[in-house]
Protein backbone atom coordinates (compact mmCIF):
# COMPACT_ATOMS: atom_id res chain seq x y z
CA MET A 1 18.99 -4.03 -12.33
CA SER A 2 18.45 -2.01 -9.14
CA LYS A 3 14.83 -3.12 -8.97
CA TRP A 4 15.57 -6.87 -8.86
CA GLY A 5 19.33 -7.01 -8.41
CA LYS A 6 21.45 -7.49 -5.35
CA SER A 7 20.45 -6.41 -1.86
CA PRO A 8 19.50 -3.96 -0.61
CA ARG A 9 16.81 -3.47 -3.24
CA PRO A 10 14.45 -0.46 -3.12
CA ASP A 11 11.69 -2.53 -1.45
CA GLU A 12 14.13 -3.71 1.23
CA ARG A 13 15.33 -0.17 1.87
CA LEU A 14 11.75 1.10 2.17
CA ASN A 15 10.90 -1.73 4.58
CA SER A 16 13.91 -0.80 6.67
CA ALA A 17 13.01 2.91 6.63
CA LEU A 18 9.46 2.17 7.77
CA LYS A 19 10.37 -0.36 10.46
CA GLY A 20 8.71 0.58 13.70
CA LEU A 21 5.79 2.43 12.11
CA ASP A 22 2.53 1.48 13.79
CA ASP A 23 0.14 -1.14 12.40
CA ARG A 24 -2.29 1.42 10.99
CA PHE A 25 0.02 1.59 7.95
CA SER A 26 0.21 -1.10 5.26
CA LEU A 27 2.96 -1.20 2.65
CA TYR A 28 2.44 -3.12 -0.60
CA HIS A 29 5.34 -3.85 -2.94
CA PHE A 30 4.43 -4.93 -6.47
CA TYR A 31 0.84 -6.00 -5.58
CA THR A 32 -0.70 -3.19 -7.61
CA PRO A 33 0.30 -1.16 -10.67
CA ILE A 34 2.11 1.10 -8.20
CA SER A 35 5.44 -0.49 -7.25
CA HIS A 36 5.42 0.75 -3.66
CA LEU A 37 2.03 1.70 -2.23
CA LEU A 38 1.59 2.86 1.36
CA ILE A 39 -1.89 3.00 2.87
CA GLY A 40 -2.58 4.49 6.27
CA PRO A 41 -3.61 7.53 8.25
CA ALA A 42 -1.31 9.70 6.13
CA GLY A 43 -3.36 8.78 3.04
CA VAL A 44 -2.78 6.79 -0.10
CA LEU A 45 0.88 7.34 -0.93
CA CYS A 46 2.92 6.15 -3.89
CA LEU A 47 6.49 5.85 -2.69
CA VAL A 48 8.91 6.51 -5.54
CA PRO A 49 12.41 5.40 -4.48
CA TYR A 50 15.67 6.82 -5.79
CA GLN A 51 19.11 5.41 -4.98
CA GLN A 52 21.27 8.36 -5.98
CA ALA A 53 24.22 9.38 -3.80
CA GLY A 54 25.82 12.79 -3.47
CA THR A 55 23.82 16.01 -3.40
CA VAL A 56 20.41 15.99 -5.03
CA ARG A 57 18.86 19.40 -5.41
CA TYR A 58 15.73 20.85 -6.90
CA ASP A 59 16.18 24.00 -8.97
CA ALA A 60 12.87 25.89 -8.80
CA ASP A 61 13.94 28.38 -11.50
CA LYS A 62 14.50 25.62 -14.05
CA ASN A 63 11.92 23.22 -12.56
CA ARG A 64 14.57 20.47 -12.67
CA TRP A 65 16.21 17.97 -10.36
CA LYS A 66 19.99 17.73 -10.43
CA GLN A 67 22.45 15.32 -8.89
CA VAL A 68 25.91 16.57 -7.98
CA GLY A 69 28.67 14.34 -6.68
CA GLY A 70 28.30 10.69 -5.90
CA ASN A 71 30.34 8.00 -7.58
CA PHE A 72 31.25 9.14 -11.10
CA PHE A 73 31.92 5.59 -12.31
CA MET A 74 28.50 4.38 -11.13
CA LYS A 75 26.73 7.39 -12.64
CA ALA A 76 28.51 6.98 -15.96
CA PHE A 77 28.39 3.22 -16.35
CA GLY A 78 26.23 1.45 -13.81
CA GLY A 79 23.86 3.76 -12.02
CA GLU A 80 20.48 5.15 -12.84
CA GLY A 81 20.17 8.79 -13.78
CA MET A 82 17.67 11.09 -12.14
CA GLY A 83 15.64 11.37 -15.30
CA ARG A 84 12.47 13.42 -14.84
CA PRO A 85 11.20 12.54 -11.35
CA GLU A 86 8.14 14.76 -11.71
CA LYS A 87 6.95 12.62 -14.64
CA GLU A 88 7.57 9.39 -12.75
CA VAL A 89 5.63 10.77 -9.77
CA ASN A 90 2.72 11.86 -11.97
CA PHE A 91 2.60 8.42 -13.62
CA ALA A 92 2.48 6.77 -10.18
CA ILE A 93 -0.39 9.04 -9.06
CA ASP A 94 -2.32 8.42 -12.29
CA ASP A 95 -1.76 4.65 -12.02
CA ALA A 96 -3.06 4.71 -8.44
CA ALA A 97 -6.14 6.73 -9.37
CA HIS A 98 -6.95 4.38 -12.27
CA TYR A 99 -6.36 1.31 -10.10
CA PHE A 100 -8.75 2.46 -7.39
CA LYS A 101 -11.35 3.54 -9.94
CA ARG A 102 -11.08 0.14 -11.69
CA THR A 103 -11.44 -1.76 -8.41
CA GLY A 104 -14.47 0.31 -7.39
CA ILE A 105 -12.88 2.04 -4.42
CA ASN A 106 -14.08 5.60 -4.01
CA LEU A 107 -11.40 7.61 -2.24
CA ASP A 108 -13.70 10.65 -1.98
CA ALA A 109 -11.53 13.68 -1.28
CA TYR A 110 -8.48 11.55 -0.48
CA LYS A 111 -6.59 11.59 -3.75
CA PRO A 112 -3.46 9.46 -4.13
CA GLU A 113 -0.26 11.37 -3.55
CA ALA A 114 3.39 10.56 -4.14
CA VAL A 115 6.58 10.96 -2.16
CA MET A 116 10.08 10.77 -3.58
CA VAL A 117 12.20 8.72 -1.18
CA PHE A 118 15.97 8.88 -1.50
CA THR A 119 17.15 5.58 -0.04
CA ASN A 120 20.91 5.95 -0.36
CA PRO A 121 22.42 6.79 3.05
CA ASN A 122 25.04 8.93 1.26
CA VAL A 123 22.61 11.46 -0.16
CA THR A 124 22.19 15.10 0.80
CA LEU A 125 18.79 16.38 -0.23
CA GLN A 126 18.05 20.03 -1.03
CA ALA A 127 14.42 20.05 -2.12
CA ASP A 128 12.64 22.64 0.00
CA GLU A 129 11.17 24.44 -3.04
CA SER A 130 9.88 21.29 -4.74
CA GLU A 131 6.13 20.86 -5.12
CA ILE A 132 6.68 17.11 -4.88
CA PRO A 133 7.45 15.94 -1.36
CA ALA A 134 10.98 14.54 -1.26
CA VAL A 135 12.59 12.96 1.81
CA THR A 136 15.49 10.74 2.69
CA ALA A 137 14.72 7.25 3.95
CA ALA A 138 15.89 8.31 7.41
CA LYS A 139 13.24 11.07 7.53
CA LEU A 140 10.38 9.10 5.95
CA LYS A 141 8.70 8.02 9.21
CA GLU A 142 8.85 11.56 10.56
CA PHE A 143 7.28 12.86 7.33
CA LEU A 144 4.47 10.28 7.53
CA ARG A 145 3.71 10.99 11.18
CA LYS A 146 3.43 14.73 10.48
CA LYS A 147 1.25 14.08 7.45
CA ALA A 148 -1.04 11.77 9.45
CA LYS A 149 -1.71 14.61 11.91
CA THR A 150 -3.00 16.99 9.26
CA LYS A 151 -5.42 14.89 7.22
CA THR A 152 -6.15 11.30 8.08
CA LEU A 153 -7.58 8.67 5.77
CA PRO A 154 -10.75 7.21 7.33
CA ASP A 155 -10.46 3.64 8.65
CA GLU A 156 -13.33 2.39 6.45
CA ILE A 157 -11.50 3.45 3.27
CA THR A 158 -8.27 1.91 4.58
CA ARG A 159 -10.05 -1.40 5.31
CA LYS A 160 -11.72 -1.44 1.90
CA ILE A 161 -8.37 -0.89 0.15
CA GLU A 162 -6.66 -3.59 2.23
CA GLU A 163 -9.47 -6.06 1.51
CA THR A 164 -9.28 -5.35 -2.22
CA ILE A 165 -5.51 -5.71 -2.41
CA SER A 166 -5.44 -8.83 -0.24
CA VAL A 167 -7.83 -10.72 -2.55
């Protein structure tokens, strides 16, 4: 229900979080097998949104994500559980790799990556030890700008991807 239900939906929250990002970035919702695909200087990124509230922490010893707090009623009856985010992230990366291979786009050394984005403004994130990048929606632009400084996706690959998706 959270994917297509009432506003703000995950796509709307991601749009809001990325508002003001320069035009070198392109965000595609539901155009590809990846629900939320961001292409730009920071690379090919699968954005995996989560709407959990409360404290979300990654336990490195158990290799598990855990949500503490938030609205008990929503967690018990109406909200989505955390599930296994690492599996969801891996599926998104695999889907992206297969999509680009199928469409004939060679990403060379620029493999698709994923970012967990916690879109609920009432979330406290404790994920420093996680191998999977995890950020709040408020910190997403900052994360992308830092990432774009370290390893940028060449413009010719970006154009080829945009042309393929736009067809």
